Amino acid sequence: MEIPRRPAAEQATRVRDLRASDADRERVAAVLAEALADGRLTAEEHADRADRVYAARTLGDLTGLTGDLGPEEAQPILVDDRPLTVFFGRTRREGRWVVPVKLPLLALFGTVELDLRQAVLQRRHIVLDATVLGGRIRLLVPEGVRVDVTGRTVLSTRELRTRPGADGPTIEVAGTLICTSVRARSPRRSLRDRVRGRLGRR
């Protein structure tokens, strides 16, 4: 998970205008190489797109290069700040995606799953503006991230099994939650990490 650094007084940059990292470019290049190998791109098309990958400055520059090579959920980078809406089903965001400062969620007897382990947070404080009836919110967050449920809740439950840090980012679940289950967790530590943590406290 990354948090772009910018002056506190500066307005939030548009999601598509966030700067791309070398790792972002390599993700897209790998998808193009796979498309060349299985014949979805010609050598000329691959060469043209590869040049554009390594010249890309923003995430928006990268996302248009693989849109015709796979469905949305298979894209190497997801740049989409539209509200998440689900009715009687499930929607999920994972992998390398940008989390806007405020992300609206609307779920009617549906499940919203957000995996933030590889996500880019626009700010250190992200608000999930949720309107959920009879649904579920499932969050998978890296170690050090705090999850707070501040929204109005009616006949709802919460289970927060995260490992927040003193100065870590915060994901705030706001809005209105009716008959809703909110669950947030951090990935399980490996045995080696657990041993190191115990030794470090001694």
N, C-alpha and C. Protein backbone atom coordinates (compact mmCIF):
# COMPACT_ATOMS: atom_id res chain seq x y z
N MET A 1 0.84 -1.19 0.00
CA MET A 1 0.00 0.00 0.00
C MET A 1 0.88 1.23 0.00
N GLU A 2 0.54 2.21 -0.84
CA GLU A 2 1.30 3.44 -0.92
C GLU A 2 0.39 4.63 -0.66
N ILE A 3 0.98 5.70 -0.12
CA ILE A 3 0.27 6.95 0.10
C ILE A 3 1.07 8.05 -0.57
N PRO A 4 0.57 8.63 -1.67
CA PRO A 4 1.30 9.70 -2.32
C PRO A 4 1.52 10.87 -1.37
N ARG A 5 2.73 11.42 -1.40
CA ARG A 5 3.04 12.55 -0.53
C ARG A 5 2.74 13.85 -1.27
N ARG A 6 2.04 14.74 -0.58
CA ARG A 6 1.74 16.05 -1.16
C ARG A 6 1.50 17.02 -0.02
N PRO A 7 1.68 18.31 -0.24
CA PRO A 7 1.46 19.30 0.83
C PRO A 7 0.05 19.18 1.40
N ALA A 8 -0.06 19.42 2.72
CA ALA A 8 -1.35 19.25 3.39
C ALA A 8 -2.41 20.17 2.82
N ALA A 9 -2.02 21.37 2.37
CA ALA A 9 -3.00 22.33 1.90
C ALA A 9 -3.43 22.05 0.46
N GLU A 10 -2.75 21.16 -0.23
CA GLU A 10 -3.06 20.90 -1.63
C GLU A 10 -4.32 20.06 -1.76
N GLN A 11 -5.14 20.36 -2.75
CA GLN A 11 -6.34 19.60 -2.98
C GLN A 11 -5.97 18.21 -3.49
N ALA A 12 -6.87 17.24 -3.28
CA ALA A 12 -6.62 15.88 -3.72
C ALA A 12 -6.45 15.84 -5.23
N THR A 13 -5.39 15.21 -5.68
CA THR A 13 -5.14 15.05 -7.10
C THR A 13 -6.15 14.08 -7.68
N ARG A 14 -6.58 14.35 -8.91
CA ARG A 14 -7.47 13.40 -9.57
C ARG A 14 -6.79 12.04 -9.63
N VAL A 15 -7.59 10.99 -9.46
CA VAL A 15 -7.04 9.64 -9.40
C VAL A 15 -6.17 9.35 -10.62
N ARG A 16 -6.63 9.70 -11.80
CA ARG A 16 -5.90 9.39 -13.02
C ARG A 16 -4.59 10.17 -13.14
N ASP A 17 -4.46 11.26 -12.37
CA ASP A 17 -3.28 12.11 -12.48
C ASP A 17 -2.19 11.77 -11.47
N LEU A 18 -2.42 10.76 -10.64
CA LEU A 18 -1.38 10.35 -9.71
C LEU A 18 -0.18 9.80 -10.46
N ARG A 19 0.99 10.08 -9.95
CA ARG A 19 2.22 9.64 -10.61
C ARG A 19 2.37 8.12 -10.57
N ALA A 20 2.82 7.56 -11.67
CA ALA A 20 3.07 6.11 -11.75
C ALA A 20 4.46 5.80 -11.22
N SER A 21 4.60 4.65 -10.61
CA SER A 21 5.90 4.20 -10.11
C SER A 21 6.52 3.23 -11.11
N ASP A 22 7.79 2.90 -10.90
CA ASP A 22 8.44 1.90 -11.75
C ASP A 22 7.72 0.56 -11.65
N ALA A 23 7.25 0.24 -10.44
CA ALA A 23 6.53 -1.03 -10.27
C ALA A 23 5.24 -1.04 -11.06
N ASP A 24 4.56 0.11 -11.14
CA ASP A 24 3.33 0.20 -11.94
C ASP A 24 3.63 -0.06 -13.41
N ARG A 25 4.70 0.55 -13.90
CA ARG A 25 5.05 0.36 -15.30
C ARG A 25 5.41 -1.10 -15.59
N GLU A 26 6.09 -1.72 -14.66
CA GLU A 26 6.47 -3.13 -14.86
C GLU A 26 5.25 -4.04 -14.86
N ARG A 27 4.25 -3.72 -14.06
CA ARG A 27 3.01 -4.50 -14.05
C ARG A 27 2.36 -4.48 -15.43
N VAL A 28 2.27 -3.29 -16.01
CA VAL A 28 1.64 -3.16 -17.31
C VAL A 28 2.50 -3.83 -18.38
N ALA A 29 3.81 -3.67 -18.30
CA ALA A 29 4.70 -4.30 -19.28
C ALA A 29 4.56 -5.81 -19.26
N ALA A 30 4.36 -6.39 -18.08
CA ALA A 30 4.20 -7.84 -17.98
C ALA A 30 2.93 -8.31 -18.69
N VAL A 31 1.85 -7.55 -18.57
CA VAL A 31 0.60 -7.90 -19.26
C VAL A 31 0.78 -7.80 -20.77
N LEU A 32 1.49 -6.79 -21.24
CA LEU A 32 1.74 -6.65 -22.67
C LEU A 32 2.59 -7.80 -23.20
N ALA A 33 3.59 -8.21 -22.42
CA ALA A 33 4.44 -9.33 -22.84
C ALA A 33 3.64 -10.62 -22.96
N GLU A 34 2.72 -10.83 -22.03
CA GLU A 34 1.86 -12.02 -22.08
C GLU A 34 0.95 -11.97 -23.30
N ALA A 35 0.42 -10.77 -23.61
CA ALA A 35 -0.44 -10.63 -24.78
C ALA A 35 0.32 -10.86 -26.07
N LEU A 36 1.59 -10.46 -26.12
CA LEU A 36 2.42 -10.73 -27.29
C LEU A 36 2.67 -12.22 -27.44
N ALA A 37 2.93 -12.88 -26.32
CA ALA A 37 3.26 -14.30 -26.36
C ALA A 37 2.10 -15.15 -26.84
N ASP A 38 0.86 -14.77 -26.50
CA ASP A 38 -0.29 -15.60 -26.90
C ASP A 38 -1.01 -15.06 -28.14
N GLY A 39 -0.42 -14.07 -28.79
CA GLY A 39 -0.95 -13.62 -30.07
C GLY A 39 -2.02 -12.55 -30.02
N ARG A 40 -2.31 -12.00 -28.86
CA ARG A 40 -3.32 -10.93 -28.79
C ARG A 40 -2.76 -9.60 -29.27
N LEU A 41 -1.45 -9.46 -29.27
CA LEU A 41 -0.79 -8.28 -29.82
C LEU A 41 0.24 -8.71 -30.85
N THR A 42 0.35 -7.93 -31.92
CA THR A 42 1.42 -8.17 -32.88
C THR A 42 2.72 -7.59 -32.33
N ALA A 43 3.83 -7.92 -32.96
CA ALA A 43 5.11 -7.39 -32.51
C ALA A 43 5.13 -5.87 -32.60
N GLU A 44 4.53 -5.34 -33.66
CA GLU A 44 4.51 -3.88 -33.83
C GLU A 44 3.65 -3.22 -32.75
N GLU A 45 2.48 -3.82 -32.47
CA GLU A 45 1.61 -3.26 -31.44
C GLU A 45 2.29 -3.31 -30.08
N HIS A 46 2.95 -4.43 -29.81
CA HIS A 46 3.64 -4.56 -28.53
C HIS A 46 4.74 -3.53 -28.39
N ALA A 47 5.52 -3.32 -29.44
CA ALA A 47 6.61 -2.36 -29.37
C ALA A 47 6.08 -0.94 -29.13
N ASP A 48 4.98 -0.60 -29.80
CA ASP A 48 4.40 0.73 -29.63
C ASP A 48 3.90 0.93 -28.21
N ARG A 49 3.17 -0.07 -27.69
CA ARG A 49 2.62 0.08 -26.33
C ARG A 49 3.73 0.04 -25.28
N ALA A 50 4.75 -0.77 -25.50
CA ALA A 50 5.84 -0.85 -24.54
C ALA A 50 6.57 0.50 -24.44
N ASP A 51 6.75 1.15 -25.58
CA ASP A 51 7.37 2.48 -25.56
C ASP A 51 6.53 3.45 -24.74
N ARG A 52 5.22 3.36 -24.90
CA ARG A 52 4.32 4.26 -24.18
C ARG A 52 4.29 3.93 -22.69
N VAL A 53 4.47 2.65 -22.34
CA VAL A 53 4.53 2.27 -20.93
C VAL A 53 5.68 2.98 -20.23
N TYR A 54 6.87 2.89 -20.81
CA TYR A 54 8.04 3.42 -20.12
C TYR A 54 8.14 4.94 -20.23
N ALA A 55 7.29 5.53 -21.09
CA ALA A 55 7.21 6.99 -21.15
C ALA A 55 6.10 7.54 -20.27
N ALA A 56 5.26 6.65 -19.71
CA ALA A 56 4.10 7.08 -18.93
C ALA A 56 4.53 7.78 -17.65
N ARG A 57 3.84 8.86 -17.33
CA ARG A 57 4.13 9.60 -16.10
C ARG A 57 3.05 9.41 -15.06
N THR A 58 1.81 9.14 -15.49
CA THR A 58 0.70 9.03 -14.54
C THR A 58 0.03 7.66 -14.66
N LEU A 59 -0.77 7.32 -13.66
CA LEU A 59 -1.52 6.08 -13.70
C LEU A 59 -2.53 6.09 -14.85
N GLY A 60 -3.09 7.26 -15.14
CA GLY A 60 -4.02 7.37 -16.24
C GLY A 60 -3.37 7.05 -17.58
N ASP A 61 -2.10 7.42 -17.73
CA ASP A 61 -1.37 7.10 -18.97
C ASP A 61 -1.25 5.59 -19.16
N LEU A 62 -1.16 4.86 -18.07
CA LEU A 62 -0.95 3.42 -18.13
C LEU A 62 -2.23 2.63 -18.36
N THR A 63 -3.33 3.09 -17.80
CA THR A 63 -4.53 2.24 -17.79
C THR A 63 -5.11 2.03 -19.19
N GLY A 64 -4.89 2.97 -20.09
CA GLY A 64 -5.45 2.79 -21.43
C GLY A 64 -4.71 1.80 -22.30
N LEU A 65 -3.59 1.30 -21.83
CA LEU A 65 -2.75 0.44 -22.66
C LEU A 65 -3.13 -1.03 -22.58
N THR A 66 -3.94 -1.40 -21.61
CA THR A 66 -4.30 -2.82 -21.46
C THR A 66 -5.81 -3.03 -21.41
N GLY A 67 -6.59 -1.98 -21.63
CA GLY A 67 -8.04 -2.10 -21.49
C GLY A 67 -8.68 -3.11 -22.42
N ASP A 68 -8.06 -3.34 -23.60
CA ASP A 68 -8.63 -4.29 -24.57
C ASP A 68 -8.01 -5.67 -24.45
N LEU A 69 -7.23 -5.90 -23.40
CA LEU A 69 -6.55 -7.19 -23.24
C LEU A 69 -7.13 -8.06 -22.14
N GLY A 70 -8.14 -7.57 -21.44
CA GLY A 70 -8.73 -8.38 -20.37
C GLY A 70 -9.84 -7.61 -19.68
N PRO A 71 -10.66 -8.30 -18.90
CA PRO A 71 -11.74 -7.64 -18.17
C PRO A 71 -11.20 -6.73 -17.08
N GLU A 72 -12.08 -5.91 -16.54
CA GLU A 72 -11.67 -4.93 -15.53
C GLU A 72 -10.96 -5.57 -14.36
N GLU A 73 -11.49 -6.69 -13.87
CA GLU A 73 -10.90 -7.30 -12.68
C GLU A 73 -9.51 -7.88 -12.94
N ALA A 74 -9.13 -8.02 -14.22
CA ALA A 74 -7.82 -8.58 -14.54
C ALA A 74 -6.81 -7.50 -14.92
N GLN A 75 -7.19 -6.23 -14.85
CA GLN A 75 -6.28 -5.16 -15.23
C GLN A 75 -5.15 -5.02 -14.22
N PRO A 76 -3.94 -4.71 -14.69
CA PRO A 76 -2.81 -4.59 -13.75
C PRO A 76 -2.94 -3.41 -12.80
N ILE A 77 -3.65 -2.35 -13.23
CA ILE A 77 -3.90 -1.18 -12.39
C ILE A 77 -5.33 -0.74 -12.61
N LEU A 78 -6.06 -0.52 -11.53
CA LEU A 78 -7.44 -0.06 -11.63
C LEU A 78 -7.52 1.38 -11.15
N VAL A 79 -7.88 2.28 -12.05
CA VAL A 79 -8.03 3.69 -11.72
C VAL A 79 -9.50 4.04 -11.94
N ASP A 80 -10.26 4.00 -10.87
CA ASP A 80 -11.71 4.18 -10.98
C ASP A 80 -12.23 4.73 -9.67
N ASP A 81 -12.71 5.98 -9.70
CA ASP A 81 -13.23 6.57 -8.46
C ASP A 81 -14.76 6.64 -8.46
N ARG A 82 -15.40 5.82 -9.31
CA ARG A 82 -16.86 5.75 -9.30
C ARG A 82 -17.35 5.06 -8.02
N PRO A 83 -18.56 5.38 -7.56
CA PRO A 83 -19.10 4.70 -6.37
C PRO A 83 -19.21 3.19 -6.60
N LEU A 84 -19.07 2.44 -5.53
CA LEU A 84 -19.25 0.99 -5.59
C LEU A 84 -20.71 0.67 -5.26
N THR A 85 -21.37 -0.03 -6.16
CA THR A 85 -22.79 -0.34 -5.98
C THR A 85 -23.02 -1.82 -6.21
N VAL A 86 -23.76 -2.44 -5.30
CA VAL A 86 -24.08 -3.86 -5.46
C VAL A 86 -25.45 -4.14 -4.88
N PHE A 87 -26.24 -4.90 -5.63
CA PHE A 87 -27.57 -5.31 -5.20
C PHE A 87 -27.67 -6.83 -5.27
N PHE A 88 -27.88 -7.46 -4.12
CA PHE A 88 -28.07 -8.91 -4.06
C PHE A 88 -26.90 -9.66 -4.73
N GLY A 89 -25.71 -9.21 -4.47
CA GLY A 89 -24.55 -9.88 -5.08
C GLY A 89 -23.28 -9.51 -4.33
N ARG A 90 -22.18 -9.48 -5.07
CA ARG A 90 -20.89 -9.18 -4.46
C ARG A 90 -20.06 -8.36 -5.44
N THR A 91 -19.34 -7.37 -4.91
CA THR A 91 -18.38 -6.62 -5.70
C THR A 91 -17.07 -6.59 -4.93
N ARG A 92 -15.96 -6.63 -5.66
CA ARG A 92 -14.66 -6.73 -5.02
C ARG A 92 -13.64 -5.88 -5.76
N ARG A 93 -12.79 -5.22 -5.00
CA ARG A 93 -11.64 -4.53 -5.56
C ARG A 93 -10.39 -5.04 -4.86
N GLU A 94 -9.39 -5.36 -5.68
CA GLU A 94 -8.15 -5.91 -5.14
C GLU A 94 -7.01 -5.59 -6.08
N GLY A 95 -5.82 -6.03 -5.72
CA GLY A 95 -4.67 -5.78 -6.56
C GLY A 95 -4.20 -4.34 -6.44
N ARG A 96 -3.70 -3.82 -7.54
CA ARG A 96 -3.17 -2.46 -7.57
C ARG A 96 -4.30 -1.51 -7.99
N TRP A 97 -4.90 -0.82 -7.03
CA TRP A 97 -5.97 0.12 -7.34
C TRP A 97 -5.83 1.35 -6.46
N VAL A 98 -6.41 2.43 -6.93
CA VAL A 98 -6.31 3.71 -6.23
C VAL A 98 -7.56 3.94 -5.41
N VAL A 99 -7.37 4.21 -4.12
CA VAL A 99 -8.49 4.47 -3.22
C VAL A 99 -8.66 5.99 -3.09
N PRO A 100 -9.77 6.54 -3.60
CA PRO A 100 -9.96 7.99 -3.50
C PRO A 100 -10.16 8.43 -2.05
N VAL A 101 -10.05 9.73 -1.84
CA VAL A 101 -10.19 10.27 -0.49
C VAL A 101 -11.53 9.90 0.12
N LYS A 102 -12.58 9.93 -0.71
CA LYS A 102 -13.91 9.55 -0.25
C LYS A 102 -14.51 8.59 -1.27
N LEU A 103 -14.83 7.39 -0.83
CA LEU A 103 -15.36 6.36 -1.73
C LEU A 103 -16.78 6.00 -1.31
N PRO A 104 -17.80 6.36 -2.08
CA PRO A 104 -19.17 6.00 -1.76
C PRO A 104 -19.43 4.50 -1.99
N LEU A 105 -20.13 3.89 -1.05
CA LEU A 105 -20.53 2.48 -1.17
C LEU A 105 -22.04 2.40 -1.02
N LEU A 106 -22.68 1.67 -1.91
CA LEU A 106 -24.11 1.43 -1.80
C LEU A 106 -24.35 -0.06 -1.98
N ALA A 107 -24.89 -0.69 -0.95
CA ALA A 107 -25.12 -2.14 -1.01
C ALA A 107 -26.50 -2.46 -0.44
N LEU A 108 -27.28 -3.18 -1.22
CA LEU A 108 -28.58 -3.66 -0.79
C LEU A 108 -28.54 -5.19 -0.79
N PHE A 109 -28.46 -5.77 0.39
CA PHE A 109 -28.34 -7.22 0.54
C PHE A 109 -27.20 -7.75 -0.33
N GLY A 110 -26.10 -7.01 -0.31
CA GLY A 110 -24.92 -7.41 -1.08
C GLY A 110 -23.66 -7.28 -0.24
N THR A 111 -22.55 -7.74 -0.79
CA THR A 111 -21.26 -7.73 -0.10
C THR A 111 -20.26 -6.89 -0.86
N VAL A 112 -19.57 -6.01 -0.14
CA VAL A 112 -18.48 -5.21 -0.71
C VAL A 112 -17.18 -5.69 -0.07
N GLU A 113 -16.24 -6.14 -0.90
CA GLU A 113 -14.94 -6.63 -0.42
C GLU A 113 -13.84 -5.72 -0.97
N LEU A 114 -13.03 -5.16 -0.07
CA LEU A 114 -11.95 -4.27 -0.46
C LEU A 114 -10.64 -4.80 0.09
N ASP A 115 -9.72 -5.13 -0.80
CA ASP A 115 -8.39 -5.59 -0.43
C ASP A 115 -7.43 -4.42 -0.65
N LEU A 116 -6.87 -3.91 0.44
CA LEU A 116 -6.03 -2.71 0.37
C LEU A 116 -4.54 -3.01 0.45
N ARG A 117 -4.16 -4.27 0.37
CA ARG A 117 -2.76 -4.61 0.58
C ARG A 117 -1.83 -4.02 -0.47
N GLN A 118 -2.29 -3.89 -1.70
CA GLN A 118 -1.46 -3.32 -2.76
C GLN A 118 -2.01 -1.99 -3.26
N ALA A 119 -2.97 -1.44 -2.53
CA ALA A 119 -3.66 -0.24 -3.00
C ALA A 119 -2.83 1.02 -2.77
N VAL A 120 -3.18 2.07 -3.51
CA VAL A 120 -2.60 3.40 -3.34
C VAL A 120 -3.65 4.27 -2.68
N LEU A 121 -3.35 4.79 -1.50
CA LEU A 121 -4.28 5.67 -0.79
C LEU A 121 -3.99 7.12 -1.16
N GLN A 122 -5.02 7.86 -1.58
CA GLN A 122 -4.80 9.26 -1.92
C GLN A 122 -4.43 10.10 -0.71
N ARG A 123 -4.94 9.74 0.44
CA ARG A 123 -4.63 10.46 1.68
C ARG A 123 -4.45 9.45 2.81
N ARG A 124 -3.94 9.93 3.92
CA ARG A 124 -3.76 9.06 5.08
C ARG A 124 -5.08 8.79 5.79
N HIS A 125 -6.10 9.57 5.48
CA HIS A 125 -7.43 9.36 6.06
C HIS A 125 -8.41 9.16 4.91
N ILE A 126 -8.90 7.95 4.77
CA ILE A 126 -9.83 7.59 3.71
C ILE A 126 -11.21 7.38 4.34
N VAL A 127 -12.25 7.90 3.69
CA VAL A 127 -13.61 7.74 4.19
C VAL A 127 -14.40 6.86 3.22
N LEU A 128 -14.93 5.76 3.74
CA LEU A 128 -15.87 4.93 2.98
C LEU A 128 -17.27 5.40 3.37
N ASP A 129 -17.90 6.15 2.49
CA ASP A 129 -19.22 6.71 2.76
C ASP A 129 -20.26 5.65 2.38
N ALA A 130 -20.64 4.84 3.35
CA ALA A 130 -21.43 3.65 3.08
C ALA A 130 -22.91 3.85 3.37
N THR A 131 -23.72 3.35 2.45
CA THR A 131 -25.16 3.19 2.67
C THR A 131 -25.46 1.73 2.41
N VAL A 132 -25.67 0.98 3.47
CA VAL A 132 -25.78 -0.48 3.35
C VAL A 132 -27.00 -0.96 4.11
N LEU A 133 -27.83 -1.76 3.45
CA LEU A 133 -28.98 -2.38 4.07
C LEU A 133 -28.89 -3.89 3.87
N GLY A 134 -28.81 -4.60 4.99
CA GLY A 134 -28.76 -6.06 4.92
C GLY A 134 -27.56 -6.59 4.17
N GLY A 135 -26.45 -5.88 4.26
CA GLY A 135 -25.26 -6.29 3.50
C GLY A 135 -24.05 -6.52 4.38
N ARG A 136 -22.92 -6.65 3.73
CA ARG A 136 -21.66 -6.92 4.43
C ARG A 136 -20.55 -6.07 3.82
N ILE A 137 -19.67 -5.58 4.68
CA ILE A 137 -18.45 -4.90 4.24
C ILE A 137 -17.27 -5.70 4.77
N ARG A 138 -16.39 -6.09 3.86
CA ARG A 138 -15.22 -6.89 4.22
C ARG A 138 -13.96 -6.14 3.79
N LEU A 139 -13.08 -5.85 4.74
CA LEU A 139 -11.86 -5.10 4.46
C LEU A 139 -10.65 -5.94 4.83
N LEU A 140 -9.67 -5.99 3.93
CA LEU A 140 -8.39 -6.63 4.20
C LEU A 140 -7.34 -5.54 4.10
N VAL A 141 -6.74 -5.18 5.23
CA VAL A 141 -5.84 -4.02 5.27
C VAL A 141 -4.46 -4.45 5.72
N PRO A 142 -3.42 -3.74 5.27
CA PRO A 142 -2.06 -4.07 5.71
C PRO A 142 -1.87 -3.78 7.19
N GLU A 143 -0.85 -4.35 7.76
CA GLU A 143 -0.51 -4.05 9.14
C GLU A 143 -0.17 -2.57 9.26
N GLY A 144 -0.63 -1.93 10.33
CA GLY A 144 -0.38 -0.52 10.54
C GLY A 144 -1.55 0.37 10.21
N VAL A 145 -2.57 -0.18 9.53
CA VAL A 145 -3.74 0.60 9.13
C VAL A 145 -4.83 0.46 10.18
N ARG A 146 -5.42 1.58 10.57
CA ARG A 146 -6.52 1.59 11.53
C ARG A 146 -7.85 1.62 10.78
N VAL A 147 -8.83 0.89 11.28
CA VAL A 147 -10.18 0.93 10.74
C VAL A 147 -11.12 1.39 11.83
N ASP A 148 -11.86 2.47 11.57
CA ASP A 148 -12.83 3.00 12.51
C ASP A 148 -14.22 2.98 11.87
N VAL A 149 -15.21 2.53 12.62
CA VAL A 149 -16.59 2.56 12.16
C VAL A 149 -17.28 3.70 12.89
N THR A 150 -17.60 4.77 12.16
CA THR A 150 -18.20 5.96 12.76
C THR A 150 -19.63 6.20 12.27
N GLY A 151 -20.06 5.42 11.30
CA GLY A 151 -21.39 5.63 10.73
C GLY A 151 -22.50 5.25 11.70
N ARG A 152 -23.70 5.69 11.38
CA ARG A 152 -24.87 5.34 12.18
C ARG A 152 -25.21 3.88 11.93
N THR A 153 -25.31 3.10 12.98
CA THR A 153 -25.55 1.67 12.83
C THR A 153 -26.86 1.28 13.50
N VAL A 154 -27.59 0.40 12.83
CA VAL A 154 -28.84 -0.14 13.36
C VAL A 154 -28.82 -1.65 13.18
N LEU A 155 -28.88 -2.38 14.28
CA LEU A 155 -28.87 -3.84 14.23
C LEU A 155 -27.71 -4.35 13.38
N SER A 156 -26.54 -3.76 13.61
CA SER A 156 -25.35 -4.11 12.83
C SER A 156 -24.25 -4.62 13.75
N THR A 157 -23.30 -5.33 13.18
CA THR A 157 -22.18 -5.87 13.94
C THR A 157 -20.87 -5.42 13.32
N ARG A 158 -19.84 -5.42 14.13
CA ARG A 158 -18.50 -5.10 13.63
C ARG A 158 -17.49 -6.03 14.25
N GLU A 159 -16.49 -6.39 13.47
CA GLU A 159 -15.40 -7.24 13.94
C GLU A 159 -14.12 -6.70 13.33
N LEU A 160 -13.32 -6.02 14.16
CA LEU A 160 -12.12 -5.34 13.67
C LEU A 160 -10.89 -6.05 14.24
N ARG A 161 -10.27 -6.85 13.41
CA ARG A 161 -9.08 -7.59 13.82
C ARG A 161 -7.88 -7.09 13.01
N THR A 162 -7.53 -5.85 13.25
CA THR A 162 -6.41 -5.24 12.55
C THR A 162 -5.28 -4.98 13.52
N ARG A 163 -4.14 -4.58 12.98
CA ARG A 163 -2.98 -4.25 13.82
C ARG A 163 -2.54 -2.82 13.47
N PRO A 164 -3.28 -1.81 13.99
CA PRO A 164 -2.98 -0.43 13.61
C PRO A 164 -1.66 0.05 14.21
N GLY A 165 -1.03 0.98 13.49
CA GLY A 165 0.18 1.61 13.99
C GLY A 165 -0.12 2.97 14.58
N ALA A 166 0.80 3.49 15.36
CA ALA A 166 0.56 4.77 16.03
C ALA A 166 0.35 5.90 15.02
N ASP A 167 1.08 5.89 13.93
CA ASP A 167 0.99 6.96 12.94
C ASP A 167 0.52 6.43 11.59
N GLY A 168 -0.17 5.32 11.60
CA GLY A 168 -0.59 4.70 10.35
C GLY A 168 -1.83 5.35 9.75
N PRO A 169 -2.15 5.00 8.52
CA PRO A 169 -3.35 5.52 7.87
C PRO A 169 -4.62 5.04 8.57
N THR A 170 -5.72 5.74 8.31
CA THR A 170 -7.01 5.38 8.88
C THR A 170 -8.04 5.20 7.77
N ILE A 171 -8.78 4.11 7.85
CA ILE A 171 -9.92 3.88 6.97
C ILE A 171 -11.17 4.06 7.83
N GLU A 172 -11.96 5.07 7.54
CA GLU A 172 -13.17 5.37 8.30
C GLU A 172 -14.40 4.87 7.54
N VAL A 173 -15.18 4.05 8.19
CA VAL A 173 -16.44 3.57 7.62
C VAL A 173 -17.55 4.45 8.17
N ALA A 174 -18.04 5.37 7.33
CA ALA A 174 -19.06 6.32 7.75
C ALA A 174 -20.38 6.00 7.04
N GLY A 175 -21.37 6.86 7.22
CA GLY A 175 -22.64 6.67 6.53
C GLY A 175 -23.69 6.01 7.40
N THR A 176 -24.53 5.18 6.77
CA THR A 176 -25.64 4.51 7.46
C THR A 176 -25.57 3.02 7.20
N LEU A 177 -25.54 2.25 8.27
CA LEU A 177 -25.41 0.80 8.19
C LEU A 177 -26.60 0.17 8.92
N ILE A 178 -27.47 -0.49 8.18
CA ILE A 178 -28.65 -1.11 8.75
C ILE A 178 -28.59 -2.61 8.51
N CYS A 179 -28.65 -3.38 9.59
CA CYS A 179 -28.54 -4.84 9.49
C CYS A 179 -27.32 -5.22 8.66
N THR A 180 -26.21 -4.63 9.03
CA THR A 180 -24.97 -4.77 8.25
C THR A 180 -23.88 -5.38 9.11
N SER A 181 -23.05 -6.18 8.49
CA SER A 181 -21.89 -6.76 9.14
C SER A 181 -20.63 -6.12 8.56
N VAL A 182 -19.81 -5.53 9.44
CA VAL A 182 -18.54 -4.94 9.03
C VAL A 182 -17.41 -5.77 9.63
N ARG A 183 -16.54 -6.25 8.77
CA ARG A 183 -15.41 -7.04 9.26
C ARG A 183 -14.13 -6.53 8.61
N ALA A 184 -13.13 -6.25 9.42
CA ALA A 184 -11.83 -5.79 8.92
C ALA A 184 -10.75 -6.63 9.57
N ARG A 185 -9.77 -7.00 8.78
CA ARG A 185 -8.66 -7.80 9.35
C ARG A 185 -7.37 -7.50 8.61
N SER A 186 -6.28 -7.77 9.29
CA SER A 186 -4.96 -7.73 8.67
C SER A 186 -4.53 -9.14 8.32
N PRO A 187 -3.69 -9.32 7.31
CA PRO A 187 -3.23 -10.66 6.96
C PRO A 187 -2.52 -11.32 8.14
N ARG A 188 -2.62 -12.61 8.20
CA ARG A 188 -1.94 -13.34 9.28
C ARG A 188 -0.44 -13.22 9.14
N ARG A 189 0.21 -13.04 10.27
CA ARG A 189 1.67 -12.99 10.27
C ARG A 189 2.25 -14.38 10.08
N SER A 190 3.39 -14.43 9.43
CA SER A 190 4.09 -15.70 9.32
C SER A 190 4.68 -16.06 10.68
N LEU A 191 5.03 -17.31 10.86
CA LEU A 191 5.62 -17.76 12.13
C LEU A 191 6.90 -16.98 12.41
N ARG A 192 7.69 -16.72 11.40
CA ARG A 192 8.94 -15.98 11.58
C ARG A 192 8.66 -14.58 12.10
N ASP A 193 7.65 -13.89 11.52
CA ASP A 193 7.32 -12.54 11.96
C ASP A 193 6.79 -12.53 13.39
N ARG A 194 5.99 -13.57 13.74
CA ARG A 194 5.47 -13.63 15.11
C ARG A 194 6.60 -13.82 16.11
N VAL A 195 7.57 -14.66 15.78
CA VAL A 195 8.70 -14.88 16.68
C VAL A 195 9.53 -13.62 16.83
N ARG A 196 9.76 -12.94 15.70
CA ARG A 196 10.54 -11.69 15.76
C ARG A 196 9.84 -10.64 16.61
N GLY A 197 8.50 -10.58 16.49
CA GLY A 197 7.76 -9.61 17.28
C GLY A 197 7.87 -9.88 18.77
N ARG A 198 7.81 -11.15 19.14
CA ARG A 198 7.89 -11.50 20.56
C ARG A 198 9.30 -11.22 21.09
N LEU A 199 10.32 -11.53 20.29
CA LEU A 199 11.69 -11.26 20.73
C LEU A 199 11.96 -9.77 20.86
N GLY A 200 11.33 -8.99 19.97
CA GLY A 200 11.54 -7.55 19.99
C GLY A 200 10.93 -6.88 21.21
N ARG A 201 9.92 -7.52 21.80
CA ARG A 201 9.27 -6.94 22.97
C ARG A 201 10.02 -7.26 24.26
N ARG A 202 10.99 -8.15 24.17
CA ARG A 202 11.71 -8.55 25.39
C ARG A 202 12.84 -7.58 25.70
